[in-house]
Amino acid sequence: MKVQAIGLMSGTSLDGLDICFASFEKKDSSWAFHILNAKTFPYSSEWEEKLRNSVHLSSEDLLELHSEYGFYIGRLVKEFIEKNQLDNISLIASHGHTVFHQPQKKFTLQIGDGRAIKIETELPVIYDFRSQDVLMEGNGAPLVPIGDHLLFSEYDACLNLGGFSNISLQKNGKRIAFDIAPVNIVLNRLAQKSGKHFDENGDLARKGVISETLLSQLNTLDFYQQPHPKSLGIEWCYEYIFPALESIDVSDALATFTEHAALQIAAVINESTIKNILVTGGGAYNTFLIEKIKAKTKSEIIIPEKEIIEYKEALIFAFMGVLRMNNEVNVLSSATGSTADHSSGITA
């Protein structure tokens, strides 16, 4: 049976809201998918500022933003549906926008109330995919490995270069996954100091000089020595990364952090026997970063077509919504560290 669903993703890099409309069909034990329509709605400077500062809001103001952002998402999805004259939509699956992520304290928060999205679109909405996993002693992340496993099994591993880099791969018959290092959440912030939205192609970083002292400081952070499963949140960057980069020139900071990210990513790839690795997320367009990763590993780095680069996460959240609708497992404990595989997401 073919099911059509919309997936919504807002990443920590604050590029905008990714909307992906796709069809899914189960054939025996495998799934096939087709992306039918996809679009990114860039955030206005006002919305970007609201989301960036959400971590500093009072409880009351954060609750207000949770509702406001939910209605905002709903209006964007409604516009997307009407403009493309879409029909036969079974559900909308929304990731929301992460404000807090502290699984060690048993909480994670993705704002954008799914009930508000439902009110705007008049369609079933599944949201809050992470909280249940955190309550089950998991990291609440990464969640996309279920899609990597069932939709992209032809690749030995899948690497996403978004706000944070994360990887998923098969190991000893299980799908494991974990965050590797920050990427765009740091590179974009640095580029914005030079008046650019992001470091296009890594051109600014290419002009910089690597600070070996800073590079060593970054590479010795405790997180990188911890065993997986593990995940990162923006709070970690505020504590350990942003302050360390304040003291040097922007281009040098970009060069150093790009080298750092490439080193950490390549180290993880080289730990396993990975013949080919699918690379997606905005960082796949950072040619300087990709060159550095390729130079540090013998694995084949595969950059797919634009739709997969930009919408793979939104696609997989749509897929997770379909699995949730059928009460099938959509979160793998081998990836998150939770006590069991489970079917996660609240239905509005």
Protein backbone atom coordinates (compact mmCIF):
# COMPACT_ATOMS: atom_id res chain seq x y z
CA MET A 1 0.00 0.00 0.00
CA LYS A 2 1.28 3.46 -0.93
CA VAL A 3 1.18 6.20 1.73
CA GLN A 4 1.86 9.90 1.12
CA ALA A 5 3.15 12.10 3.92
CA ILE A 6 4.77 15.47 4.58
CA GLY A 7 7.91 15.72 6.70
CA LEU A 8 9.09 18.95 8.37
CA MET A 9 12.61 19.65 9.57
CA SER A 10 14.16 22.72 11.16
CA GLY A 11 17.85 22.22 11.85
CA THR A 12 20.11 23.84 14.39
CA SER A 13 21.90 25.71 11.59
CA LEU A 14 18.71 27.85 11.19
CA ASP A 15 18.69 27.72 7.38
CA GLY A 16 14.89 27.53 7.32
CA LEU A 17 12.02 25.06 7.41
CA ASP A 18 12.46 22.06 5.10
CA ILE A 19 9.19 20.61 3.81
CA CYS A 20 9.21 17.29 1.96
CA PHE A 21 6.16 15.58 0.44
CA ALA A 22 6.89 11.96 -0.38
CA SER A 23 5.26 8.63 -1.10
CA PHE A 24 6.26 5.42 0.68
CA GLU A 25 5.46 1.86 -0.31
CA LYS A 26 6.30 -1.32 1.57
CA LYS A 27 7.37 -4.26 -0.56
CA ASP A 28 7.90 -7.39 1.53
CA SER A 29 10.34 -6.25 4.23
CA SER A 30 11.78 -3.29 2.31
CA TRP A 31 10.47 0.20 1.63
CA ALA A 32 10.57 2.33 -1.52
CA PHE A 33 10.17 6.11 -1.54
CA HIS A 34 9.72 8.96 -4.01
CA ILE A 35 10.12 12.65 -3.21
CA LEU A 36 7.15 14.30 -4.94
CA ASN A 37 7.66 17.93 -3.86
CA ALA A 38 10.11 19.68 -1.58
CA LYS A 39 10.89 23.23 -0.60
CA THR A 40 12.86 25.16 1.99
CA PHE A 41 11.22 28.24 3.44
CA PRO A 42 14.14 30.41 4.61
CA TYR A 43 13.60 32.09 7.96
CA SER A 44 13.22 35.85 8.00
CA SER A 45 15.83 37.63 10.10
CA GLU A 46 13.09 38.10 12.72
CA TRP A 47 12.31 34.37 12.93
CA GLU A 48 15.97 33.41 12.84
CA GLU A 49 16.59 35.73 15.80
CA LYS A 50 13.58 34.36 17.70
CA LEU A 51 14.73 30.77 17.29
CA ARG A 52 18.38 31.56 17.98
CA ASN A 53 17.48 33.34 21.25
CA SER A 54 14.86 30.81 22.33
CA VAL A 55 17.35 29.09 24.64
CA HIS A 56 17.51 32.29 26.74
CA LEU A 57 13.74 32.89 27.09
CA SER A 58 11.72 32.73 30.30
CA SER A 59 9.33 29.79 30.68
CA GLU A 60 6.31 31.94 29.78
CA ASP A 61 7.94 33.46 26.71
CA LEU A 62 9.13 30.03 25.54
CA LEU A 63 5.61 28.60 25.84
CA GLU A 64 4.31 31.55 23.83
CA LEU A 65 6.94 30.92 21.13
CA HIS A 66 6.07 27.18 21.11
CA SER A 67 2.50 28.05 20.09
CA GLU A 68 3.43 30.93 17.79
CA TYR A 69 5.98 28.83 15.93
CA GLY A 70 3.49 25.96 15.59
CA PHE A 71 0.97 28.25 13.88
CA TYR A 72 3.76 29.71 11.71
CA ILE A 73 4.81 26.23 10.57
CA GLY A 74 1.18 25.35 9.92
CA ARG A 75 0.71 28.39 7.67
CA LEU A 76 3.86 27.53 5.67
CA VAL A 77 2.71 23.93 5.19
CA LYS A 78 -0.75 25.11 4.16
CA GLU A 79 0.83 27.45 1.59
CA PHE A 80 3.04 24.58 0.32
CA ILE A 81 0.02 22.27 -0.05
CA GLU A 82 -2.14 24.85 -1.82
CA LYS A 83 0.58 26.11 -4.18
CA ASN A 84 1.45 22.57 -5.31
CA GLN A 85 -2.21 21.40 -5.27
CA LEU A 86 -1.31 18.38 -3.16
CA ASP A 87 -3.88 15.81 -2.10
CA ASN A 88 -4.05 12.33 -0.57
CA ILE A 89 -1.87 13.43 2.36
CA SER A 90 -2.09 10.87 5.17
CA LEU A 91 -0.21 12.89 7.75
CA ILE A 92 2.31 15.61 8.58
CA ALA A 93 5.33 14.60 10.66
CA SER A 94 7.10 17.52 12.33
CA HIS A 95 10.50 17.45 13.98
CA GLY A 96 10.07 20.94 15.47
CA HIS A 97 12.97 23.22 16.39
CA THR A 98 15.32 22.07 19.14
CA VAL A 99 15.77 24.54 21.99
CA PHE A 100 17.09 22.29 24.77
CA HIS A 101 18.65 18.86 24.48
CA GLN A 102 19.91 17.40 27.76
CA PRO A 103 19.19 13.67 27.69
CA GLN A 104 21.39 13.09 30.75
CA LYS A 105 18.76 15.09 32.68
CA LYS A 106 15.90 13.25 30.92
CA PHE A 107 14.64 16.16 28.82
CA THR A 108 14.73 17.49 25.30
CA LEU A 109 12.53 20.22 23.82
CA GLN A 110 11.50 20.76 20.22
CA ILE A 111 9.14 23.73 19.90
CA GLY A 112 6.38 24.14 17.31
CA ASP A 113 3.16 22.76 18.80
CA GLY A 114 1.82 19.99 16.55
CA ARG A 115 -1.73 20.83 17.57
CA ALA A 116 -1.30 24.32 16.09
CA ILE A 117 -0.04 22.76 12.84
CA LYS A 118 -3.15 20.58 12.78
CA ILE A 119 -5.44 23.56 13.37
CA GLU A 120 -3.89 25.41 10.41
CA THR A 121 -3.76 22.46 7.99
CA GLU A 122 -6.69 20.31 9.17
CA LEU A 123 -4.50 17.23 8.73
CA PRO A 124 -3.27 14.62 11.24
CA VAL A 125 0.07 15.68 12.74
CA ILE A 126 2.69 13.58 14.51
CA TYR A 127 5.30 15.48 16.52
CA ASP A 128 7.69 15.30 19.49
CA PHE A 129 9.64 12.28 18.27
CA ARG A 130 12.52 12.65 20.75
CA SER A 131 11.07 12.94 24.28
CA GLN A 132 9.94 9.33 24.66
CA ASP A 133 13.41 8.06 23.81
CA VAL A 134 15.02 10.36 26.39
CA LEU A 135 12.58 9.12 29.03
CA MET A 136 13.62 5.57 28.06
CA GLU A 137 17.24 6.42 28.97
CA GLY A 138 18.20 7.15 25.37
CA ASN A 139 19.93 10.15 23.83
CA GLY A 140 16.81 11.10 21.84
CA ALA A 141 19.19 11.26 18.89
CA PRO A 142 20.05 10.46 16.22
CA LEU A 143 16.60 9.42 14.96
CA VAL A 144 17.23 9.20 11.21
CA PRO A 145 19.02 5.79 11.35
CA ILE A 146 15.68 3.99 10.96
CA GLY A 147 15.36 5.72 7.57
CA ASP A 148 19.01 5.07 6.72
CA HIS A 149 18.41 1.38 7.49
CA LEU A 150 15.13 0.96 5.60
CA LEU A 151 15.41 3.55 2.79
CA PHE A 152 19.18 3.87 2.11
CA SER A 153 20.52 0.38 2.82
CA GLU A 154 22.68 0.32 -0.35
CA TYR A 155 25.25 2.53 1.44
CA ASP A 156 27.60 1.23 4.13
CA ALA A 157 27.10 4.43 6.10
CA CYS A 158 25.17 7.70 6.00
CA LEU A 159 26.80 10.94 7.13
CA ASN A 160 24.76 14.07 7.71
CA LEU A 161 26.54 17.42 7.78
CA GLY A 162 24.00 19.76 9.32
CA GLY A 163 24.25 21.93 12.41
CA PHE A 164 25.99 18.87 13.88
CA SER A 165 27.51 15.97 12.00
CA ASN A 166 26.14 12.52 12.68
CA ILE A 167 26.73 9.10 11.19
CA SER A 168 24.81 5.86 11.01
CA LEU A 169 26.14 2.45 9.93
CA GLN A 170 25.64 -1.28 10.38
CA LYS A 171 27.87 -2.89 13.00
CA ASN A 172 27.60 -6.46 14.26
CA GLY A 173 24.14 -6.77 12.73
CA LYS A 174 22.82 -3.59 14.37
CA ARG A 175 22.35 -0.03 13.17
CA ILE A 176 24.46 2.25 15.30
CA ALA A 177 24.48 6.02 15.07
CA PHE A 178 25.78 9.01 16.97
CA ASP A 179 26.73 12.66 16.72
CA ILE A 180 30.35 13.27 15.74
CA ALA A 181 31.02 17.01 16.05
CA PRO A 182 29.43 20.41 15.48
CA VAL A 183 29.64 21.63 11.88
CA ASN A 184 27.36 24.33 10.44
CA ILE A 185 26.16 25.59 13.80
CA VAL A 186 29.74 26.82 14.33
CA LEU A 187 30.80 27.59 10.73
CA ASN A 188 27.66 29.66 10.05
CA ARG A 189 28.06 31.63 13.27
CA LEU A 190 31.66 32.46 12.35
CA ALA A 191 30.78 33.40 8.75
CA GLN A 192 28.09 35.77 10.02
CA LYS A 193 30.80 37.76 11.80
CA SER A 194 32.13 38.53 8.30
CA GLY A 195 28.70 39.64 7.12
CA LYS A 196 27.93 36.40 5.27
CA HIS A 197 25.05 34.03 5.99
CA PHE A 198 27.38 31.03 5.69
CA ASP A 199 30.87 30.20 4.39
CA GLU A 200 30.01 29.37 0.77
CA ASN A 201 32.15 26.48 -0.51
CA GLY A 202 34.38 27.00 2.53
CA ASP A 203 36.04 29.94 0.73
CA LEU A 204 36.63 31.98 3.90
CA ALA A 205 38.10 28.97 5.69
CA ARG A 206 40.35 28.26 2.70
CA LYS A 207 41.98 31.70 3.19
CA GLY A 208 42.61 31.19 6.89
CA VAL A 209 45.55 29.74 8.78
CA ILE A 210 45.03 26.80 11.15
CA SER A 211 45.83 27.52 14.79
CA GLU A 212 47.55 24.34 15.98
CA THR A 213 47.07 25.34 19.63
CA LEU A 214 43.33 25.82 19.20
CA LEU A 215 43.05 22.68 17.05
CA SER A 216 44.69 20.61 19.76
CA GLN A 217 42.40 22.18 22.39
CA LEU A 218 39.30 21.26 20.35
CA ASN A 219 40.47 17.74 19.55
CA THR A 220 41.05 16.89 23.21
CA LEU A 221 37.51 17.76 24.38
CA ASP A 222 36.02 14.95 26.47
CA PHE A 223 33.05 14.34 24.17
CA TYR A 224 35.28 12.89 21.45
CA GLN A 225 36.69 10.26 23.79
CA GLN A 226 33.26 9.09 24.98
CA PRO A 227 31.82 5.85 23.58
CA HIS A 228 28.66 5.97 21.47
CA PRO A 229 25.71 6.33 21.59
CA LYS A 230 26.13 10.03 22.25
CA SER A 231 24.62 13.29 21.08
CA LEU A 232 25.34 17.01 21.12
CA GLY A 233 23.23 20.09 21.79
CA ILE A 234 23.83 23.79 21.32
CA GLU A 235 24.44 24.18 25.06
CA TRP A 236 27.67 22.19 24.59
CA CYS A 237 28.82 24.65 21.91
CA TYR A 238 28.10 27.61 24.18
CA GLU A 239 30.19 26.00 26.92
CA TYR A 240 33.14 24.60 24.98
CA ILE A 241 33.28 25.79 21.37
CA PHE A 242 32.13 29.40 20.94
CA PRO A 243 34.32 30.85 23.73
CA ALA A 244 37.42 29.07 22.36
CA LEU A 245 36.95 30.62 18.91
CA GLU A 246 36.47 34.21 20.11
CA SER A 247 40.12 35.10 20.37
CA ILE A 248 41.30 34.59 16.77
CA ASP A 249 40.61 36.04 13.33
CA VAL A 250 37.38 34.80 11.69
CA SER A 251 39.09 33.18 8.68
CA ASP A 252 41.61 31.47 10.96
CA ALA A 253 38.80 30.28 13.24
CA LEU A 254 36.94 28.90 10.19
CA ALA A 255 40.08 27.18 8.89
CA THR A 256 40.80 25.66 12.29
CA PHE A 257 37.27 24.50 12.96
CA THR A 258 36.86 23.05 9.45
CA GLU A 259 40.07 21.07 9.99
CA HIS A 260 38.80 19.97 13.41
CA ALA A 261 35.43 18.80 12.03
CA ALA A 262 37.13 16.95 9.15
CA LEU A 263 39.56 15.22 11.53
CA GLN A 264 36.78 14.05 13.84
CA ILE A 265 34.57 12.86 10.96
CA ALA A 266 37.42 11.02 9.21
CA ALA A 267 38.50 9.36 12.47
CA VAL A 268 35.01 7.88 12.88
CA ILE A 269 34.86 6.73 9.24
CA ASN A 270 38.29 5.11 9.52
CA GLU A 271 37.35 3.19 12.68
CA SER A 272 34.98 1.01 10.63
CA THR A 273 35.27 -0.82 7.31
CA ILE A 274 33.19 1.57 5.21
CA LYS A 275 33.43 1.20 1.44
CA ASN A 276 31.00 3.96 0.56
CA ILE A 277 29.34 6.70 2.57
CA LEU A 278 26.36 8.86 1.57
CA VAL A 279 26.85 12.51 2.57
CA THR A 280 23.87 14.84 2.97
CA GLY A 281 22.98 18.11 4.71
CA GLY A 282 24.13 21.64 3.95
CA GLY A 283 27.75 20.76 4.69
CA ALA A 284 27.81 18.55 1.58
CA TYR A 285 28.08 21.82 -0.41
CA ASN A 286 31.12 22.93 1.59
CA THR A 287 33.73 21.80 -0.95
CA PHE A 288 36.64 22.72 1.34
CA LEU A 289 35.26 20.53 4.16
CA ILE A 290 34.54 17.66 1.73
CA GLU A 291 38.07 17.90 0.27
CA LYS A 292 39.53 17.66 3.77
CA ILE A 293 37.41 14.62 4.69
CA LYS A 294 38.32 12.87 1.42
CA ALA A 295 42.01 13.52 2.05
CA LYS A 296 41.82 11.84 5.46
CA THR A 297 39.96 8.62 4.50
CA LYS A 298 40.02 5.95 1.80
CA SER A 299 36.24 5.44 1.87
CA GLU A 300 34.27 6.55 -1.20
CA ILE A 301 32.46 9.80 -0.37
CA ILE A 302 29.20 9.97 -2.32
CA ILE A 303 27.42 13.30 -2.76
CA PRO A 304 23.88 12.55 -4.05
CA GLU A 305 21.43 14.69 -6.01
CA LYS A 306 20.28 18.02 -4.55
CA GLU A 307 16.90 16.69 -3.33
CA ILE A 308 18.53 14.04 -1.17
CA ILE A 309 21.26 16.39 0.11
CA GLU A 310 18.74 18.98 1.24
CA TYR A 311 15.65 16.98 2.18
CA LYS A 312 16.83 13.59 3.47
CA GLU A 313 16.07 14.48 7.10
CA ALA A 314 12.62 15.89 6.31
CA LEU A 315 11.98 12.80 4.15
CA ILE A 316 12.91 10.49 7.02
CA PHE A 317 10.69 12.34 9.49
CA ALA A 318 7.80 11.86 7.06
CA PHE A 319 8.74 8.16 7.00
CA MET A 320 8.92 8.03 10.81
CA GLY A 321 5.40 9.47 10.87
CA VAL A 322 4.20 6.69 8.56
CA LEU A 323 5.82 4.05 10.79
CA ARG A 324 4.26 5.68 13.87
CA MET A 325 0.83 5.68 12.18
CA ASN A 326 1.22 1.90 11.77
CA ASN A 327 2.60 1.48 15.34
CA GLU A 328 5.84 0.15 13.86
CA VAL A 329 9.29 0.76 15.37
CA ASN A 330 10.64 4.14 14.27
CA VAL A 331 13.44 4.64 16.84
CA LEU A 332 16.33 2.19 17.15
CA SER A 333 17.77 1.64 20.62
CA SER A 334 21.08 0.60 19.05
CA ALA A 335 21.35 4.19 17.74
CA THR A 336 20.04 6.17 20.70
CA GLY A 337 20.97 3.96 23.65
CA SER A 338 17.39 3.67 24.94
CA THR A 339 16.22 0.54 26.74
CA ALA A 340 14.32 -0.83 23.71
CA ASP A 341 13.32 -0.13 20.10
CA HIS A 342 10.05 1.78 20.11
CA SER A 343 7.44 3.69 18.15
CA SER A 344 7.67 7.35 19.07
CA GLY A 345 5.73 10.52 18.35
CA ILE A 346 2.61 12.25 19.70
CA THR A 347 -0.44 12.34 17.42
CA ALA A 348 -2.48 15.54 17.21
